[in-house]
C-alpha atoms as a PDB file:
ATOM      1  CA  MET A   1      71.498-109.757 -27.696  1.00  0.00           C
ATOM      2  CA  LEU A   2      73.577-109.772 -30.860  1.00  0.00           C
ATOM      3  CA  VAL A   3      75.500-106.897 -32.421  1.00  0.00           C
ATOM      4  CA  LEU A   4      76.253-107.669 -36.055  1.00  0.00           C
ATOM      5  CA  SER A   5      78.480-105.871 -38.511  1.00  0.00           C
ATOM      6  CA  PRO A   6      76.684-103.241 -40.606  1.00  0.00           C
ATOM      7  CA  LYS A   7      78.241-104.947 -43.646  1.00  0.00           C
ATOM      8  CA  ALA A   8      76.161-108.084 -43.008  1.00  0.00           C
ATOM      9  CA  ALA A   9      73.662-108.798 -45.758  1.00  0.00           C
ATOM     10  CA  GLU A  10      70.123-109.881 -44.910  1.00  0.00           C
ATOM     11  CA  GLY A  11      71.009-113.473 -45.825  1.00  0.00           C
ATOM     12  CA  ASP A  12      73.983-113.377 -43.448  1.00  0.00           C
ATOM     13  CA  GLU A  13      71.775-112.088 -40.625  1.00  0.00           C
ATOM     14  CA  LYS A  14      69.312-114.920 -41.224  1.00  0.00           C
ATOM     15  CA  LYS A  15      72.180-117.442 -41.196  1.00  0.00           C
ATOM     16  CA  ILE A  16      73.365-116.229 -37.791  1.00  0.00           C
ATOM     17  CA  GLY A  17      69.798-116.168 -36.487  1.00  0.00           C
ATOM     18  CA  GLU A  18      69.324-119.775 -37.587  1.00  0.00           C
ATOM     19  CA  LEU A  19      72.618-120.727 -35.918  1.00  0.00           C
ATOM     20  CA  VAL A  20      71.343-119.360 -32.610  1.00  0.00           C
ATOM     21  CA  LYS A  21      67.925-120.958 -33.009  1.00  0.00           C
ATOM     22  CA  THR A  22      69.268-124.411 -33.879  1.00  0.00           C
ATOM     23  CA  GLN A  23      71.794-124.415 -31.030  1.00  0.00           C
ATOM     24  CA  LEU A  24      69.472-123.217 -28.277  1.00  0.00           C
ATOM     25  CA  THR A  25      65.962-124.213 -29.200  1.00  0.00           C
ATOM     26  CA  LYS A  26      66.232-128.007 -29.128  1.00  0.00           C
ATOM     27  CA  GLY A  27      62.921-128.609 -27.402  1.00  0.00           C
ATOM     28  CA  GLY A  28      62.379-124.861 -26.930  1.00  0.00           C
ATOM     29  CA  LYS A  29      60.951-122.025 -28.962  1.00  0.00           C
ATOM     30  CA  VAL A  30      61.682-118.486 -30.040  1.00  0.00           C
ATOM     31  CA  VAL A  31      59.344-116.171 -28.134  1.00  0.00           C
ATOM     32  CA  SER A  32      60.288-112.968 -29.946  1.00  0.00           C
ATOM     33  CA  THR A  33      62.845-111.484 -32.299  1.00  0.00           C
ATOM     34  CA  THR A  34      63.391-107.736 -32.277  1.00  0.00           C
ATOM     35  CA  HIS A  35      65.605-105.820 -34.692  1.00  0.00           C
ATOM     36  CA  PHE A  36      66.633-102.458 -33.275  1.00  0.00           C
ATOM     37  CA  GLY A  37      68.352-101.458 -36.494  1.00  0.00           C
ATOM     38  CA  LYS A  38      71.696 -99.884 -37.169  1.00  0.00           C
ATOM     39  CA  LYS A  39      73.040 -97.893 -34.217  1.00  0.00           C
ATOM     40  CA  GLN A  40      76.193 -95.915 -33.550  1.00  0.00           C
ATOM     41  CA  LEU A  41      78.603 -97.767 -31.225  1.00  0.00           C
ATOM     42  CA  ALA A  42      80.148 -96.022 -28.215  1.00  0.00           C
ATOM     43  CA  TYR A  43      83.584 -97.164 -29.367  1.00  0.00           C
ATOM     44  CA  PRO A  44      84.867 -99.033 -32.451  1.00  0.00           C
ATOM     45  CA  ILE A  45      84.631-102.832 -32.347  1.00  0.00           C
ATOM     46  CA  LYS A  46      86.642-104.720 -34.974  1.00  0.00           C
ATOM     47  CA  LYS A  47      87.138-101.341 -36.708  1.00  0.00           C
ATOM     48  CA  GLU A  48      83.360-100.855 -37.056  1.00  0.00           C
ATOM     49  CA  LYS A  49      81.668 -97.687 -35.781  1.00  0.00           C
ATOM     50  CA  GLU A  50      78.077 -98.944 -36.248  1.00  0.00           C
ATOM     51  CA  GLY A  51      76.296-102.210 -35.562  1.00  0.00           C
ATOM     52  CA  ASN A  52      72.972-103.938 -36.230  1.00  0.00           C
ATOM     53  CA  PHE A  53      71.331-104.791 -32.915  1.00  0.00           C
ATOM     54  CA  TRP A  54      69.121-107.888 -32.478  1.00  0.00           C
ATOM     55  CA  LEU A  55      67.341-109.162 -29.379  1.00  0.00           C
ATOM     56  CA  LEU A  56      66.196-112.792 -29.319  1.00  0.00           C
ATOM     57  CA  THR A  57      64.004-114.052 -26.490  1.00  0.00           C
ATOM     58  CA  LEU A  58      63.945-117.834 -26.159  1.00  0.00           C
ATOM     59  CA  ALA A  59      61.997-120.161 -23.864  1.00  0.00           C
ATOM     60  CA  ASP A  60      62.726-123.702 -22.646  1.00  0.00           C
ATOM     61  CA  CYS A  61      66.235-123.751 -24.107  1.00  0.00           C
ATOM     62  CA  ALA A  62      68.029-127.019 -23.530  1.00  0.00           C
ATOM     63  CA  GLY A  63      70.783-126.548 -26.098  1.00  0.00           C
ATOM     64  CA  ASP A  64      74.525-126.402 -25.698  1.00  0.00           C
ATOM     65  CA  ILE A  65      75.356-122.832 -24.668  1.00  0.00           C
ATOM     66  CA  LYS A  66      79.138-123.370 -24.603  1.00  0.00           C
ATOM     67  CA  ASN A  67      79.046-124.662 -28.169  1.00  0.00           C
ATOM     68  CA  LEU A  68      76.965-121.660 -29.273  1.00  0.00           C
ATOM     69  CA  THR A  69      79.381-119.245 -27.570  1.00  0.00           C
ATOM     70  CA  GLY A  70      82.297-120.783 -29.460  1.00  0.00           C
ATOM     71  CA  LYS A  71      80.473-120.587 -32.794  1.00  0.00           C
ATOM     72  CA  LEU A  72      79.444-116.955 -32.265  1.00  0.00           C
ATOM     73  CA  GLN A  73      83.031-116.016 -31.387  1.00  0.00           C
ATOM     74  CA  GLN A  74      84.201-117.516 -34.687  1.00  0.00           C
ATOM     75  CA  GLU A  75      81.655-115.635 -36.807  1.00  0.00           C
ATOM     76  CA  GLN A  76      83.272-112.636 -38.515  1.00  0.00           C
ATOM     77  CA  LEU A  77      80.002-110.703 -38.738  1.00  0.00           C
ATOM     78  CA  VAL A  78      79.231-110.917 -34.987  1.00  0.00           C
ATOM     79  CA  LEU A  79      80.795-107.922 -33.266  1.00  0.00           C
ATOM     80  CA  ARG A  80      79.464-108.673 -29.754  1.00  0.00           C
ATOM     81  CA  PHE A  81      76.910-110.923 -28.118  1.00  0.00           C
ATOM     82  CA  LEU A  82      75.448-111.390 -24.664  1.00  0.00           C
ATOM     83  CA  LEU A  83      73.586-114.455 -23.431  1.00  0.00           C
ATOM     84  CA  VAL A  84      71.549-114.056 -20.256  1.00  0.00           C
ATOM     85  CA  LEU A  85      69.930-117.072 -18.624  1.00  0.00           C
ATOM     86  CA  ARG A  86      67.221-116.591 -16.068  1.00  0.00           C
ATOM     87  CA  ASN A  87      65.265-118.911 -13.872  1.00  0.00           C
ATOM     88  CA  GLU A  88      61.583-118.196 -14.454  1.00  0.00           C
ATOM     89  CA  GLY A  89      60.767-119.383 -10.934  1.00  0.00           C
ATOM     90  CA  LEU A  90      62.829-116.532  -9.502  1.00  0.00           C
ATOM     91  CA  VAL A  91      61.522-113.776 -11.792  1.00  0.00           C
ATOM     92  CA  LYS A  92      58.344-112.029 -10.593  1.00  0.00           C
END
């Protein structure tokens, strides 16, 4: 899940999406990408009151998650992000 600044242009959103895809999908694939649109935030983040919400579902990710976390933290347009890893063998 990514929350991007509402000031992000479409090209900037694609750049961040490609960053995530290239870092995590080495040998994997993007299952789905969902854009939930611009939503009101519960509290201001980096002085922003709204954010663009994106949900990326990836499969067979063998990339460097620590490296991706560092790069997302450095991006000015990323307000918040959440990476959740799950073991498919445990999910029913």
